[in-house]
């Protein structure tokens, strides 16, 4: 209990790591296909850039759709997320 009580988290570093995690692109597979999503993951990882940033350049999807598809909180709920309000 005492170890957990004194624990602190660097929320900024956690968010940064999450934004760069290549696993996020799996949510793009239904929208852009596996090959394109994999290419985005590889580029983001290679260039150490957020997945969203690279996806904006290379996916052909708009920012609103990408933000919905790549929302980590929504992804933890399971199911398919189309980015169009469906689910």
PDB file of N, CA and C in Angstrom:
ATOM      1  N   UNK A   1       0.814  -1.202   0.000  1.00  0.00           N
ATOM      2  CA  UNK A   1       0.000   0.000   0.000  1.00  0.00           C
ATOM      3  C   UNK A   1       0.855   1.263   0.000  1.00  0.00           C
ATOM      4  N   UNK A   2       1.923   1.275   0.796  1.00  0.00           N
ATOM      5  CA  UNK A   2       2.741   2.488   0.887  1.00  0.00           C
ATOM      6  C   UNK A   2       3.485   2.756  -0.420  1.00  0.00           C
ATOM      7  N   UNK A   3       3.862   1.724  -1.146  1.00  0.00           N
ATOM      8  CA  UNK A   3       4.542   1.929  -2.432  1.00  0.00           C
ATOM      9  C   UNK A   3       3.598   2.564  -3.445  1.00  0.00           C
ATOM     10  N   UNK A   4       2.388   2.131  -3.478  1.00  0.00           N
ATOM     11  CA  UNK A   4       1.408   2.675  -4.418  1.00  0.00           C
ATOM     12  C   UNK A   4       1.007   4.090  -4.014  1.00  0.00           C
ATOM     13  N   UNK A   5       0.883   4.355  -2.733  1.00  0.00           N
ATOM     14  CA  UNK A   5       0.473   5.671  -2.259  1.00  0.00           C
ATOM     15  C   UNK A   5       1.457   6.754  -2.687  1.00  0.00           C
ATOM     16  N   UNK A   6       2.737   6.447  -2.768  1.00  0.00           N
ATOM     17  CA  UNK A   6       3.742   7.433  -3.147  1.00  0.00           C
ATOM     18  C   UNK A   6       4.062   7.458  -4.631  1.00  0.00           C
ATOM     19  N   UNK A   7       3.386   6.650  -5.408  1.00  0.00           N
ATOM     20  CA  UNK A   7       3.683   6.540  -6.830  1.00  0.00           C
ATOM     21  C   UNK A   7       3.162   7.756  -7.593  1.00  0.00           C
ATOM     22  N   UNK A   8       3.991   8.252  -8.504  1.00  0.00           N
ATOM     23  CA  UNK A   8       3.572   9.348  -9.373  1.00  0.00           C
ATOM     24  C   UNK A   8       3.745   8.917 -10.819  1.00  0.00           C
ATOM     25  N   UNK A   9       2.993   9.531 -11.687  1.00  0.00           N
ATOM     26  CA  UNK A   9       3.018   9.180 -13.102  1.00  0.00           C
ATOM     27  C   UNK A   9       3.301  10.406 -13.935  1.00  0.00           C
ATOM     28  N   UNK A  10       4.093  10.248 -14.965  1.00  0.00           N
ATOM     29  CA  UNK A  10       4.355  11.314 -15.920  1.00  0.00           C
ATOM     30  C   UNK A  10       3.334  11.167 -17.044  1.00  0.00           C
ATOM     31  N   UNK A  11       2.177  11.763 -16.859  1.00  0.00           N
ATOM     32  CA  UNK A  11       1.067  11.623 -17.796  1.00  0.00           C
ATOM     33  C   UNK A  11       1.477  12.067 -19.191  1.00  0.00           C
ATOM     34  N   UNK A  12       2.308  13.106 -19.289  1.00  0.00           N
ATOM     35  CA  UNK A  12       2.765  13.573 -20.597  1.00  0.00           C
ATOM     36  C   UNK A  12       3.576  12.502 -21.316  1.00  0.00           C
ATOM     37  N   UNK A  13       4.409  11.775 -20.593  1.00  0.00           N
ATOM     38  CA  UNK A  13       5.215  10.718 -21.214  1.00  0.00           C
ATOM     39  C   UNK A  13       4.357   9.513 -21.595  1.00  0.00           C
ATOM     40  N   UNK A  14       3.376   9.225 -20.778  1.00  0.00           N
ATOM     41  CA  UNK A  14       2.466   8.120 -21.090  1.00  0.00           C
ATOM     42  C   UNK A  14       1.681   8.444 -22.355  1.00  0.00           C
ATOM     43  N   UNK A  15       1.156   9.651 -22.448  1.00  0.00           N
ATOM     44  CA  UNK A  15       0.393  10.066 -23.627  1.00  0.00           C
ATOM     45  C   UNK A  15       1.269  10.042 -24.874  1.00  0.00           C
ATOM     46  N   UNK A  16       2.493  10.510 -24.747  1.00  0.00           N
ATOM     47  CA  UNK A  16       3.420  10.514 -25.876  1.00  0.00           C
ATOM     48  C   UNK A  16       3.698   9.096 -26.363  1.00  0.00           C
ATOM     49  N   UNK A  17       3.953   8.195 -25.444  1.00  0.00           N
ATOM     50  CA  UNK A  17       4.216   6.798 -25.810  1.00  0.00           C
ATOM     51  C   UNK A  17       2.997   6.165 -26.473  1.00  0.00           C
ATOM     52  N   UNK A  18       1.828   6.470 -25.956  1.00  0.00           N
ATOM     53  CA  UNK A  18       0.600   5.926 -26.527  1.00  0.00           C
ATOM     54  C   UNK A  18       0.372   6.436 -27.946  1.00  0.00           C
ATOM     55  N   UNK A  19       0.590   7.727 -28.173  1.00  0.00           N
ATOM     56  CA  UNK A  19       0.389   8.311 -29.502  1.00  0.00           C
ATOM     57  C   UNK A  19       1.334   7.707 -30.538  1.00  0.00           C
ATOM     58  N   UNK A  20       2.476   7.209 -30.101  1.00  0.00           N
ATOM     59  CA  UNK A  20       3.477   6.655 -31.008  1.00  0.00           C
ATOM     60  C   UNK A  20       3.413   5.134 -31.111  1.00  0.00           C
ATOM     61  N   UNK A  21       2.505   4.517 -30.387  1.00  0.00           N
ATOM     62  CA  UNK A  21       2.424   3.063 -30.371  1.00  0.00           C
ATOM     63  C   UNK A  21       1.858   2.538 -31.697  1.00  0.00           C
ATOM     64  N   UNK A  22       2.657   1.773 -32.426  1.00  0.00           N
ATOM     65  CA  UNK A  22       2.216   1.289 -33.740  1.00  0.00           C
ATOM     66  C   UNK A  22       0.970   0.403 -33.702  1.00  0.00           C
ATOM     67  N   UNK A  23       0.647  -0.174 -32.557  1.00  0.00           N
ATOM     68  CA  UNK A  23      -0.527  -1.037 -32.476  1.00  0.00           C
ATOM     69  C   UNK A  23      -1.812  -0.285 -32.780  1.00  0.00           C
ATOM     70  N   UNK A  24      -1.802   1.040 -32.616  1.00  0.00           N
ATOM     71  CA  UNK A  24      -2.993   1.836 -32.899  1.00  0.00           C
ATOM     72  C   UNK A  24      -3.492   1.652 -34.329  1.00  0.00           C
ATOM     73  N   UNK A  25      -2.589   1.409 -35.265  1.00  0.00           N
ATOM     74  CA  UNK A  25      -3.017   1.336 -36.668  1.00  0.00           C
ATOM     75  C   UNK A  25      -3.923   0.154 -36.959  1.00  0.00           C
ATOM     76  N   UNK A  26      -3.987  -0.818 -36.058  1.00  0.00           N
ATOM     77  CA  UNK A  26      -4.905  -1.933 -36.303  1.00  0.00           C
ATOM     78  C   UNK A  26      -6.345  -1.433 -36.419  1.00  0.00           C
ATOM     79  N   UNK A  27      -6.634  -0.305 -35.769  1.00  0.00           N
ATOM     80  CA  UNK A  27      -7.972   0.281 -35.849  1.00  0.00           C
ATOM     81  C   UNK A  27      -8.251   0.855 -37.236  1.00  0.00           C
ATOM     82  N   UNK A  28      -7.204   1.080 -38.012  1.00  0.00           N
ATOM     83  CA  UNK A  28      -7.378   1.624 -39.361  1.00  0.00           C
ATOM     84  C   UNK A  28      -7.623   0.541 -40.408  1.00  0.00           C
ATOM     85  N   UNK A  29      -7.335  -0.692 -40.082  1.00  0.00           N
ATOM     86  CA  UNK A  29      -7.468  -1.785 -41.059  1.00  0.00           C
ATOM     87  C   UNK A  29      -8.804  -1.807 -41.801  1.00  0.00           C
ATOM     88  N   UNK A  30      -9.935  -1.711 -41.090  1.00  0.00           N
ATOM     89  CA  UNK A  30     -11.215  -1.753 -41.823  1.00  0.00           C
ATOM     90  C   UNK A  30     -11.409  -0.572 -42.778  1.00  0.00           C
ATOM     91  N   UNK A  31     -10.804   0.562 -42.450  1.00  0.00           N
ATOM     92  CA  UNK A  31     -11.003   1.771 -43.252  1.00  0.00           C
ATOM     93  C   UNK A  31     -10.041   1.883 -44.434  1.00  0.00           C
ATOM     94  N   UNK A  32      -8.778   1.460 -44.240  1.00  0.00           N
ATOM     95  CA  UNK A  32      -7.783   1.661 -45.300  1.00  0.00           C
ATOM     96  C   UNK A  32      -7.063   0.388 -45.714  1.00  0.00           C
ATOM     97  N   UNK A  33      -7.327  -0.707 -45.035  1.00  0.00           N
ATOM     98  CA  UNK A  33      -6.691  -1.976 -45.374  1.00  0.00           C
ATOM     99  C   UNK A  33      -5.398  -2.202 -44.606  1.00  0.00           C
ATOM    100  N   UNK A  34      -5.055  -3.478 -44.509  1.00  0.00           N
ATOM    101  CA  UNK A  34      -3.895  -3.887 -43.718  1.00  0.00           C
ATOM    102  C   UNK A  34      -2.593  -3.309 -44.255  1.00  0.00           C
ATOM    103  N   UNK A  35      -2.376  -3.396 -45.555  1.00  0.00           N
ATOM    104  CA  UNK A  35      -1.103  -2.962 -46.142  1.00  0.00           C
ATOM    105  C   UNK A  35      -0.823  -1.484 -45.885  1.00  0.00           C
ATOM    106  N   UNK A  36      -1.817  -0.653 -46.110  1.00  0.00           N
ATOM    107  CA  UNK A  36      -1.649   0.788 -45.906  1.00  0.00           C
ATOM    108  C   UNK A  36      -1.456   1.103 -44.420  1.00  0.00           C
ATOM    109  N   UNK A  37      -2.227   0.430 -43.569  1.00  0.00           N
ATOM    110  CA  UNK A  37      -2.095   0.643 -42.127  1.00  0.00           C
ATOM    111  C   UNK A  37      -0.713   0.213 -41.649  1.00  0.00           C
ATOM    112  N   UNK A  38      -0.231  -0.916 -42.150  1.00  0.00           N
ATOM    113  CA  UNK A  38       1.101  -1.398 -41.766  1.00  0.00           C
ATOM    114  C   UNK A  38       2.181  -0.417 -42.208  1.00  0.00           C
ATOM    115  N   UNK A  39       2.030   0.144 -43.387  1.00  0.00           N
ATOM    116  CA  UNK A  39       3.005   1.124 -43.882  1.00  0.00           C
ATOM    117  C   UNK A  39       3.017   2.366 -42.989  1.00  0.00           C
ATOM    118  N   UNK A  40       1.859   2.785 -42.532  1.00  0.00           N
ATOM    119  CA  UNK A  40       1.765   3.932 -41.626  1.00  0.00           C
ATOM    120  C   UNK A  40       2.447   3.608 -40.299  1.00  0.00           C
ATOM    121  N   UNK A  41       2.206   2.413 -39.772  1.00  0.00           N
ATOM    122  CA  UNK A  41       2.835   2.002 -38.510  1.00  0.00           C
ATOM    123  C   UNK A  41       4.350   1.998 -38.639  1.00  0.00           C
ATOM    124  N   UNK A  42       4.845   1.439 -39.719  1.00  0.00           N
ATOM    125  CA  UNK A  42       6.295   1.359 -39.928  1.00  0.00           C
ATOM    126  C   UNK A  42       6.919   2.749 -40.058  1.00  0.00           C
ATOM    127  N   UNK A  43       6.255   3.626 -40.791  1.00  0.00           N
ATOM    128  CA  UNK A  43       6.773   4.980 -40.980  1.00  0.00           C
ATOM    129  C   UNK A  43       6.760   5.745 -39.657  1.00  0.00           C
ATOM    130  N   UNK A  44       5.669   5.649 -38.921  1.00  0.00           N
ATOM    131  CA  UNK A  44       5.568   6.351 -37.637  1.00  0.00           C
ATOM    132  C   UNK A  44       6.651   5.854 -36.679  1.00  0.00           C
ATOM    133  N   UNK A  45       6.863   4.554 -36.646  1.00  0.00           N
ATOM    134  CA  UNK A  45       7.879   3.980 -35.762  1.00  0.00           C
ATOM    135  C   UNK A  45       9.280   4.408 -36.195  1.00  0.00           C
ATOM    136  N   UNK A  46       9.554   4.294 -37.476  1.00  0.00           N
ATOM    137  CA  UNK A  46      10.874   4.640 -38.026  1.00  0.00           C
ATOM    138  C   UNK A  46      11.220   6.106 -37.784  1.00  0.00           C
ATOM    139  N   UNK A  47      10.225   6.978 -37.961  1.00  0.00           N
ATOM    140  CA  UNK A  47      10.451   8.418 -37.822  1.00  0.00           C
ATOM    141  C   UNK A  47      10.161   8.943 -36.418  1.00  0.00           C
ATOM    142  N   UNK A  48       9.757   8.028 -35.515  1.00  0.00           N
ATOM    143  CA  UNK A  48       9.432   8.400 -34.128  1.00  0.00           C
ATOM    144  C   UNK A  48       8.415   9.529 -34.070  1.00  0.00           C
ATOM    145  N   UNK A  49       7.343   9.337 -34.833  1.00  0.00           N
ATOM    146  CA  UNK A  49       6.273  10.329 -34.918  1.00  0.00           C
ATOM    147  C   UNK A  49       4.974   9.698 -34.458  1.00  0.00           C
ATOM    148  N   UNK A  50       4.024  10.511 -34.010  1.00  0.00           N
ATOM    149  CA  UNK A  50       2.714   9.970 -33.629  1.00  0.00           C
ATOM    150  C   UNK A  50       2.009   9.321 -34.825  1.00  0.00           C
ATOM    151  N   UNK A  51       1.318   8.238 -34.563  1.00  0.00           N
ATOM    152  CA  UNK A  51       0.585   7.518 -35.597  1.00  0.00           C
ATOM    153  C   UNK A  51      -0.420   8.449 -36.284  1.00  0.00           C
ATOM    154  N   UNK A  52      -1.128   9.246 -35.511  1.00  0.00           N
ATOM    155  CA  UNK A  52      -2.124  10.159 -36.083  1.00  0.00           C
ATOM    156  C   UNK A  52      -1.483  11.105 -37.091  1.00  0.00           C
ATOM    157  N   UNK A  53      -0.336  11.639 -36.762  1.00  0.00           N
ATOM    158  CA  UNK A  53       0.357  12.583 -37.642  1.00  0.00           C
ATOM    159  C   UNK A  53       0.690  11.941 -38.994  1.00  0.00           C
ATOM    160  N   UNK A  54       1.222  10.736 -38.957  1.00  0.00           N
ATOM    161  CA  UNK A  54       1.571  10.037 -40.193  1.00  0.00           C
ATOM    162  C   UNK A  54       0.312   9.625 -40.944  1.00  0.00           C
ATOM    163  N   UNK A  55      -0.702   9.178 -40.213  1.00  0.00           N
ATOM    164  CA  UNK A  55      -1.959   8.768 -40.849  1.00  0.00           C
ATOM    165  C   UNK A  55      -2.634   9.946 -41.553  1.00  0.00           C
ATOM    166  N   UNK A  56      -2.520  11.132 -40.999  1.00  0.00           N
ATOM    167  CA  UNK A  56      -3.078  12.316 -41.657  1.00  0.00           C
ATOM    168  C   UNK A  56      -2.429  12.535 -43.022  1.00  0.00           C
ATOM    169  N   UNK A  57      -1.161  12.248 -43.115  1.00  0.00           N
ATOM    170  CA  UNK A  57      -0.428  12.428 -44.370  1.00  0.00           C
ATOM    171  C   UNK A  57      -0.697  11.307 -45.373  1.00  0.00           C
ATOM    172  N   UNK A  58      -0.822  10.078 -44.880  1.00  0.00           N
ATOM    173  CA  UNK A  58      -0.757   8.923 -45.772  1.00  0.00           C
ATOM    174  C   UNK A  58      -2.033   8.100 -45.917  1.00  0.00           C
ATOM    175  N   UNK A  59      -3.046   8.342 -45.093  1.00  0.00           N
ATOM    176  CA  UNK A  59      -4.214   7.450 -45.124  1.00  0.00           C
ATOM    177  C   UNK A  59      -5.301   7.893 -46.089  1.00  0.00           C
ATOM    178  N   UNK A  60      -5.364   9.193 -46.367  1.00  0.00           N
ATOM    179  CA  UNK A  60      -6.466   9.706 -47.171  1.00  0.00           C
ATOM    180  C   UNK A  60      -7.710   9.991 -46.355  1.00  0.00           C
ATOM    181  N   UNK A  61      -7.634   9.780 -45.037  1.00  0.00           N
ATOM    182  CA  UNK A  61      -8.771  10.050 -44.157  1.00  0.00           C
ATOM    183  C   UNK A  61      -8.607  11.417 -43.515  1.00  0.00           C
ATOM    184  N   UNK A  62      -9.734  12.051 -43.184  1.00  0.00           N
ATOM    185  CA  UNK A  62      -9.676  13.376 -42.567  1.00  0.00           C
ATOM    186  C   UNK A  62      -9.351  13.261 -41.081  1.00  0.00           C
ATOM    187  N   UNK A  63      -8.982  14.393 -40.487  1.00  0.00           N
ATOM    188  CA  UNK A  63      -8.550  14.426 -39.094  1.00  0.00           C
ATOM    189  C   UNK A  63      -9.638  13.940 -38.136  1.00  0.00           C
ATOM    190  N   UNK A  64     -10.878  14.354 -38.366  1.00  0.00           N
ATOM    191  CA  UNK A  64     -11.971  13.959 -37.475  1.00  0.00           C
ATOM    192  C   UNK A  64     -12.137  12.440 -37.455  1.00  0.00           C
ATOM    193  N   UNK A  65     -12.143  11.840 -38.627  1.00  0.00           N
ATOM    194  CA  UNK A  65     -12.297  10.386 -38.732  1.00  0.00           C
ATOM    195  C   UNK A  65     -11.132   9.675 -38.061  1.00  0.00           C
ATOM    196  N   UNK A  66      -9.920  10.145 -38.334  1.00  0.00           N
ATOM    197  CA  UNK A  66      -8.744   9.510 -37.742  1.00  0.00           C
ATOM    198  C   UNK A  66      -8.747   9.622 -36.222  1.00  0.00           C
ATOM    199  N   UNK A  67      -9.125  10.761 -35.703  1.00  0.00           N
ATOM    200  CA  UNK A  67      -9.164  10.926 -34.249  1.00  0.00           C
ATOM    201  C   UNK A  67     -10.165   9.975 -33.618  1.00  0.00           C
ATOM    202  N   UNK A  68     -11.273   9.743 -34.297  1.00  0.00           N
ATOM    203  CA  UNK A  68     -12.273   8.801 -33.782  1.00  0.00           C
ATOM    204  C   UNK A  68     -11.750   7.366 -33.853  1.00  0.00           C
ATOM    205  N   UNK A  69     -11.156   7.014 -34.977  1.00  0.00           N
ATOM    206  CA  UNK A  69     -10.649   5.654 -35.149  1.00  0.00           C
ATOM    207  C   UNK A  69      -9.493   5.339 -34.207  1.00  0.00           C
ATOM    208  N   UNK A  70      -8.644   6.324 -33.957  1.00  0.00           N
ATOM    209  CA  UNK A  70      -7.432   6.110 -33.171  1.00  0.00           C
ATOM    210  C   UNK A  70      -7.576   6.509 -31.706  1.00  0.00           C
ATOM    211  N   UNK A  71      -8.793   6.733 -31.251  1.00  0.00           N
ATOM    212  CA  UNK A  71      -9.026   7.122 -29.860  1.00  0.00           C
ATOM    213  C   UNK A  71      -8.758   5.930 -28.936  1.00  0.00           C
ATOM    214  N   UNK A  72      -7.685   5.988 -28.150  1.00  0.00           N
ATOM    215  CA  UNK A  72      -7.338   4.849 -27.291  1.00  0.00           C
ATOM    216  C   UNK A  72      -8.445   4.473 -26.309  1.00  0.00           C
ATOM    217  N   UNK A  73      -9.137   5.442 -25.771  1.00  0.00           N
ATOM    218  CA  UNK A  73     -10.217   5.137 -24.822  1.00  0.00           C
ATOM    219  C   UNK A  73     -11.326   4.344 -25.509  1.00  0.00           C
ATOM    220  N   UNK A  74     -11.683   4.739 -26.723  1.00  0.00           N
ATOM    221  CA  UNK A  74     -12.722   4.011 -27.468  1.00  0.00           C
ATOM    222  C   UNK A  74     -12.250   2.609 -27.819  1.00  0.00           C
ATOM    223  N   UNK A  75     -10.964   2.476 -28.138  1.00  0.00           N
ATOM    224  CA  UNK A  75     -10.430   1.169 -28.513  1.00  0.00           C
ATOM    225  C   UNK A  75     -10.448   0.183 -27.351  1.00  0.00           C
ATOM    226  N   UNK A  76     -10.389   0.668 -26.131  1.00  0.00           N
ATOM    227  CA  UNK A  76     -10.424  -0.234 -24.978  1.00  0.00           C
ATOM    228  C   UNK A  76     -11.804  -0.827 -24.751  1.00  0.00           C
ATOM    229  N   UNK A  77     -12.808  -0.270 -25.405  1.00  0.00           N
ATOM    230  CA  UNK A  77     -14.178  -0.759 -25.235  1.00  0.00           C
ATOM    231  C   UNK A  77     -14.496  -1.925 -26.157  1.00  0.00           C
ATOM    232  N   UNK A  78     -13.596  -2.218 -27.106  1.00  0.00           N
ATOM    233  CA  UNK A  78     -13.809  -3.341 -28.001  1.00  0.00           C
ATOM    234  C   UNK A  78     -14.772  -3.036 -29.116  1.00  0.00           C
ATOM    235  N   UNK A  79     -14.936  -3.976 -29.991  1.00  0.00           N
ATOM    236  CA  UNK A  79     -15.814  -3.800 -31.146  1.00  0.00           C
ATOM    237  C   UNK A  79     -15.153  -3.001 -32.248  1.00  0.00           C
ATOM    238  N   UNK A  80     -15.850  -2.843 -33.334  1.00  0.00           N
ATOM    239  CA  UNK A  80     -15.336  -2.120 -34.484  1.00  0.00           C
ATOM    240  C   UNK A  80     -15.781  -0.668 -34.398  1.00  0.00           C
ATOM    241  N   UNK A  81     -14.874   0.218 -34.688  1.00  0.00           N
ATOM    242  CA  UNK A  81     -15.165   1.648 -34.680  1.00  0.00           C
ATOM    243  C   UNK A  81     -14.962   2.169 -36.083  1.00  0.00           C
ATOM    244  N   UNK A  82     -16.017   2.645 -36.687  1.00  0.00           N
ATOM    245  CA  UNK A  82     -15.934   3.064 -38.091  1.00  0.00           C
ATOM    246  C   UNK A  82     -15.504   4.510 -38.243  1.00  0.00           C
ATOM    247  N   UNK A  83     -15.557   5.279 -37.182  1.00  0.00           N
ATOM    248  CA  UNK A  83     -15.207   6.691 -37.278  1.00  0.00           C
ATOM    249  C   UNK A  83     -16.327   7.526 -37.841  1.00  0.00           C
ATOM    250  N   UNK A  84     -17.479   6.904 -38.047  1.00  0.00           N
ATOM    251  CA  UNK A  84     -18.623   7.620 -38.624  1.00  0.00           C
ATOM    252  C   UNK A  84     -19.807   7.617 -37.669  1.00  0.00           C
ATOM    253  N   UNK A  85     -19.527   7.337 -36.396  1.00  0.00           N
ATOM    254  CA  UNK A  85     -20.607   7.339 -35.422  1.00  0.00           C
ATOM    255  C   UNK A  85     -21.206   5.967 -35.217  1.00  0.00           C
ATOM    256  N   UNK A  86     -20.895   5.005 -36.112  1.00  0.00           N
ATOM    257  CA  UNK A  86     -21.367   3.646 -35.943  1.00  0.00           C
ATOM    258  C   UNK A  86     -20.468   2.905 -34.986  1.00  0.00           C
ATOM    259  N   UNK A  87     -20.656   1.622 -34.840  1.00  0.00           N
ATOM    260  CA  UNK A  87     -19.784   0.983 -33.905  1.00  0.00           C
ATOM    261  C   UNK A  87     -19.803  -0.442 -34.017  1.00  0.00           C
TER     262      UNK A  87
END
